[in-house]
Amino acid sequence: MPTRSQRKIADAVKPQPLADFKVGVDNAIFSVDTAQNRLLVLLVMRQQQPFLGQWSLPGTLVRQGESLEDAAYRILAEKIRVENLYLEQLYTFGGPERDPREETDKVRYLSVSYFALVRYEDAELIADGVSGIAWYPVKQVPQLAFDHNEILAYGHRRLKNKLEYSPVAFDVLPEVFTLNDLYQLYTTVLGEFSDYSNFRARLLKLGFLCDTGLKVSRGAGRPASLYRFNATAFAAFKDKPLVFI
């Protein structure tokens, strides 16, 4: 009796008509609100069918002559103003019947998803007179249109993983920053709150942060040292888990 894998292979090689596709890009745009220790995601309310009036991730169909990455950046530029951000392609969601329009249009709708990370205080929302755009705490996101809850969950997992294995945090922080700025970003995204003293000691031991010799005063506490990220020194840790949180 053939196995399940053998049956799937046999079904796959049967001649079938080619599918027509439309390609969209959907962005899971995360922001880190370190003041309230919240990881947020940008949602927009759909202004047309399908799912009229329902929250979704910002998305668009790819235009003629436009690359996927350009479409992702266009979504960002239409929704927020921000200088420092991290953007990466996430995954392609293309299961049949993921979009209700497939039945009437006789076209399959693919979504090439991206995820982005920005700092909440640095990102200005662009409303342009259109209601229905907001930052939502990731833990409080409602039921979204299409399969966007699945895209969001996938993006959240990838973001946490990238933070532990890559210098993504330093694409979001200003050129100079305090160790507390970095600590707040990590703990907000990862949802883990280790002792700050241990975090500081482990991080500085790795050697890819340079003390600028400058300090900044915030509130009544002692002035905090400002650091700069050294990408060359970080190269030795590429794709290795950064165990300091």
Protein backbone atom coordinates (compact mmCIF):
# COMPACT_ATOMS: atom_id res chain seq x y z
CA MET A 1 0.00 0.00 0.00
CA PRO A 2 1.52 3.37 -1.00
CA THR A 3 2.52 5.74 1.79
CA ARG A 4 1.06 9.22 2.22
CA SER A 5 4.19 10.77 0.72
CA GLN A 6 4.02 8.48 -2.31
CA ARG A 7 0.35 9.38 -2.87
CA LYS A 8 1.17 13.13 -2.67
CA ILE A 9 3.99 12.69 -5.20
CA ALA A 10 1.70 10.74 -7.52
CA ASP A 11 -0.99 13.43 -7.29
CA ALA A 12 1.58 16.17 -7.89
CA VAL A 13 2.77 14.73 -11.22
CA LYS A 14 -0.74 14.41 -12.66
CA PRO A 15 -1.22 16.92 -15.49
CA GLN A 16 -3.20 19.95 -14.30
CA PRO A 17 -3.90 23.38 -15.80
CA LEU A 18 -1.53 26.15 -14.78
CA ALA A 19 -2.84 28.64 -12.23
CA ASP A 20 -3.07 32.37 -12.87
CA PHE A 21 -1.66 34.46 -10.04
CA LYS A 22 -1.80 37.95 -8.61
CA VAL A 23 1.00 38.79 -6.20
CA GLY A 24 0.55 40.95 -3.15
CA VAL A 25 2.89 42.11 -0.41
CA ASP A 26 1.79 42.23 3.23
CA ASN A 27 3.91 43.84 5.94
CA ALA A 28 4.00 42.92 9.61
CA ILE A 29 5.37 46.24 10.90
CA PHE A 30 6.42 45.89 14.54
CA SER A 31 7.33 48.73 16.87
CA VAL A 32 8.91 48.61 20.30
CA ASP A 33 7.30 50.84 22.92
CA THR A 34 10.01 50.65 25.56
CA ALA A 35 8.26 53.17 27.84
CA GLN A 36 5.43 50.68 28.48
CA ASN A 37 7.30 47.46 27.59
CA ARG A 38 4.93 46.71 24.70
CA LEU A 39 5.56 45.12 21.32
CA LEU A 40 3.11 46.67 18.87
CA VAL A 41 2.07 45.87 15.30
CA LEU A 42 0.60 48.29 12.78
CA LEU A 43 -2.92 47.46 11.60
CA VAL A 44 -5.13 49.15 9.03
CA MET A 45 -8.88 48.89 8.56
CA ARG A 46 -9.86 47.65 5.13
CA GLN A 47 -11.77 50.22 3.07
CA GLN A 48 -13.06 47.75 0.47
CA GLN A 49 -14.24 44.20 0.00
CA PRO A 50 -13.38 41.56 0.87
CA PHE A 51 -13.37 42.00 4.65
CA LEU A 52 -14.66 45.59 4.45
CA GLY A 53 -14.25 47.28 7.84
CA GLN A 54 -11.99 44.55 9.26
CA TRP A 55 -8.47 45.06 10.57
CA SER A 56 -5.58 43.70 8.52
CA LEU A 57 -1.85 44.06 8.03
CA PRO A 58 -0.88 46.85 5.59
CA GLY A 59 -0.64 45.36 2.12
CA THR A 60 -0.75 46.04 -1.59
CA LEU A 61 -0.74 44.30 -4.94
CA VAL A 62 2.59 44.55 -6.74
CA ARG A 63 2.58 47.10 -9.56
CA GLN A 64 3.86 46.60 -13.09
CA GLY A 65 7.66 46.81 -13.11
CA GLU A 66 7.87 46.99 -9.30
CA SER A 67 10.05 44.62 -7.29
CA LEU A 68 8.69 42.87 -4.22
CA GLU A 69 11.04 44.80 -1.95
CA ASP A 70 10.03 48.11 -3.54
CA ALA A 71 6.39 47.25 -2.90
CA ALA A 72 7.21 46.50 0.76
CA TYR A 73 9.00 49.84 1.13
CA ARG A 74 6.10 51.60 -0.59
CA ILE A 75 3.72 50.21 2.04
CA LEU A 76 6.02 51.52 4.76
CA ALA A 77 6.32 54.95 3.14
CA GLU A 78 2.55 55.22 2.80
CA LYS A 79 1.88 54.35 6.46
CA ILE A 80 4.75 55.67 8.61
CA ARG A 81 7.58 58.18 8.63
CA VAL A 82 10.70 56.79 10.26
CA GLU A 83 14.47 57.03 9.75
CA ASN A 84 15.79 53.83 11.36
CA LEU A 85 14.14 50.51 10.55
CA TYR A 86 14.82 46.88 9.78
CA LEU A 87 13.01 45.16 6.90
CA GLU A 88 13.27 41.54 5.75
CA GLN A 89 11.27 39.19 3.55
CA LEU A 90 9.41 36.72 5.71
CA TYR A 91 7.53 34.00 3.82
CA THR A 92 5.22 33.36 0.87
CA PHE A 93 1.64 32.47 1.77
CA GLY A 94 -0.07 30.91 -1.21
CA GLY A 95 -2.51 28.26 -0.09
CA PRO A 96 -5.64 27.84 -2.24
CA GLU A 97 -8.72 29.70 -0.98
CA ARG A 98 -6.73 32.08 1.21
CA ASP A 99 -8.50 34.98 -0.54
CA PRO A 100 -12.29 35.05 -1.16
CA ARG A 101 -11.74 36.82 -4.50
CA GLU A 102 -10.25 33.66 -5.99
CA GLU A 103 -13.70 32.17 -6.57
CA THR A 104 -15.02 35.12 -8.61
CA ASP A 105 -11.77 36.29 -10.24
CA LYS A 106 -10.56 32.77 -11.10
CA VAL A 107 -7.12 33.95 -10.01
CA ARG A 108 -4.91 32.76 -7.15
CA TYR A 109 -3.69 35.45 -4.75
CA LEU A 110 -0.19 35.01 -3.35
CA SER A 111 1.09 37.05 -0.42
CA VAL A 112 4.84 37.62 -0.15
CA SER A 113 5.11 38.85 3.42
CA TYR A 114 7.76 41.06 5.01
CA PHE A 115 8.40 42.06 8.58
CA ALA A 116 9.78 45.37 9.76
CA LEU A 117 10.96 46.67 13.11
CA VAL A 118 10.94 50.32 14.21
CA ARG A 119 11.04 52.16 17.52
CA TYR A 120 7.60 53.40 18.56
CA GLU A 121 8.79 56.86 19.55
CA ASP A 122 10.55 57.33 16.20
CA ALA A 123 7.65 56.29 13.93
CA GLU A 124 5.02 58.82 12.89
CA LEU A 125 1.78 57.40 11.50
CA ILE A 126 0.53 58.82 8.20
CA ALA A 127 -3.26 59.06 8.19
CA ASP A 128 -3.80 61.33 5.13
CA GLY A 129 -7.43 61.82 6.12
CA VAL A 130 -8.16 58.07 6.21
CA SER A 131 -9.43 56.60 9.46
CA GLY A 132 -8.49 53.14 10.61
CA ILE A 133 -4.74 52.95 11.20
CA ALA A 134 -3.38 52.08 14.63
CA TRP A 135 -0.68 50.39 16.63
CA TYR A 136 -2.03 47.30 18.42
CA PRO A 137 -0.28 45.39 21.20
CA VAL A 138 0.68 42.05 19.67
CA LYS A 139 -0.97 40.25 22.58
CA GLN A 140 -4.30 42.02 21.92
CA VAL A 141 -4.62 41.73 18.13
CA PRO A 142 -8.21 40.93 17.00
CA GLN A 143 -9.23 38.50 14.26
CA LEU A 144 -7.66 39.89 11.08
CA ALA A 145 -8.67 39.67 7.43
CA PHE A 146 -7.41 36.90 5.16
CA ASP A 147 -4.70 34.78 6.85
CA HIS A 148 -3.03 37.79 8.44
CA ASN A 149 -3.11 36.36 11.98
CA GLU A 150 -0.97 33.52 10.66
CA ILE A 151 1.39 35.97 8.93
CA LEU A 152 1.64 38.02 12.12
CA ALA A 153 2.43 34.98 14.28
CA TYR A 154 5.09 33.83 11.80
CA GLY A 155 6.61 37.32 11.74
CA HIS A 156 6.67 37.53 15.53
CA ARG A 157 8.54 34.22 15.79
CA ARG A 158 11.05 35.30 13.14
CA LEU A 159 11.62 38.65 14.84
CA LYS A 160 12.42 37.01 18.18
CA ASN A 161 14.77 34.60 16.47
CA LYS A 162 16.54 37.36 14.51
CA LEU A 163 17.05 39.38 17.67
CA GLU A 164 18.91 36.48 19.27
CA TYR A 165 21.09 35.64 16.24
CA SER A 166 21.68 38.92 14.39
CA PRO A 167 22.34 42.65 14.96
CA VAL A 168 18.79 43.64 13.97
CA ALA A 169 18.42 45.75 17.13
CA PHE A 170 21.17 48.09 15.97
CA ASP A 171 19.35 48.84 12.71
CA VAL A 172 16.55 50.31 14.82
CA LEU A 173 18.46 52.13 17.56
CA PRO A 174 20.07 55.53 16.93
CA GLU A 175 23.78 55.62 16.07
CA VAL A 176 24.61 56.14 19.75
CA PHE A 177 22.51 54.66 22.54
CA THR A 178 22.60 53.65 26.18
CA LEU A 179 22.75 50.06 27.36
CA ASN A 180 19.35 50.58 28.95
CA ASP A 181 17.93 51.53 25.51
CA LEU A 182 19.20 48.20 24.19
CA TYR A 183 18.00 46.28 27.25
CA GLN A 184 14.49 47.69 26.96
CA LEU A 185 14.31 46.79 23.27
CA TYR A 186 15.41 43.19 23.86
CA THR A 187 13.15 42.54 26.83
CA THR A 188 10.13 44.09 25.11
CA VAL A 189 10.45 41.93 22.00
CA LEU A 190 11.50 38.72 23.72
CA GLY A 191 9.12 39.08 26.65
CA GLU A 192 11.89 38.04 29.03
CA PHE A 193 13.16 40.16 31.86
CA SER A 194 16.59 39.11 33.09
CA ASP A 195 18.62 41.09 35.59
CA TYR A 196 19.96 44.28 34.00
CA SER A 197 23.36 43.95 35.69
CA ASN A 198 23.87 40.47 34.22
CA PHE A 199 22.70 41.72 30.82
CA ARG A 200 25.19 44.58 30.94
CA ALA A 201 28.13 42.43 32.04
CA ARG A 202 27.51 39.67 29.48
CA LEU A 203 26.96 42.11 26.63
CA LEU A 204 30.06 44.21 27.23
CA LYS A 205 32.19 41.06 27.47
CA LEU A 206 31.34 40.24 23.83
CA GLY A 207 33.24 43.31 22.64
CA PHE A 208 31.10 44.65 19.79
CA LEU A 209 29.97 47.81 21.61
CA CYS A 210 32.25 50.84 21.75
CA ASP A 211 31.99 53.34 24.58
CA THR A 212 31.92 56.80 22.98
CA GLY A 213 33.06 58.53 26.16
CA LEU A 214 29.88 60.61 26.07
CA LYS A 215 27.12 60.52 28.65
CA VAL A 216 23.46 61.51 28.69
CA SER A 217 21.26 62.53 31.62
CA ARG A 218 17.70 61.23 31.79
CA GLY A 219 15.73 62.02 34.89
CA ALA A 220 17.28 62.16 38.35
CA GLY A 221 19.64 59.19 37.99
CA ARG A 222 23.33 59.15 37.18
CA PRO A 223 24.30 60.07 33.59
CA ALA A 224 24.41 57.00 31.34
CA SER A 225 27.24 56.17 28.94
CA LEU A 226 26.54 56.26 25.23
CA TYR A 227 27.69 53.35 23.06
CA ARG A 228 28.12 52.70 19.34
CA PHE A 229 27.71 49.36 17.56
CA ASN A 230 30.84 47.92 15.90
CA ALA A 231 29.69 45.82 12.94
CA THR A 232 33.21 44.52 12.23
CA ALA A 233 33.60 43.16 15.75
CA PHE A 234 30.14 41.59 15.56
CA ALA A 235 31.09 39.53 12.47
CA ALA A 236 32.62 36.83 14.69
CA PHE A 237 29.20 36.24 16.27
CA LYS A 238 27.19 36.04 13.04
CA ASP A 239 24.50 33.32 13.19
CA LYS A 240 25.49 32.38 16.75
CA PRO A 241 23.06 32.73 19.66
CA LEU A 242 23.78 35.83 21.71
CA VAL A 243 23.33 34.60 25.26
CA PHE A 244 23.18 37.79 27.29
CA ILE A 245 19.46 38.24 27.96
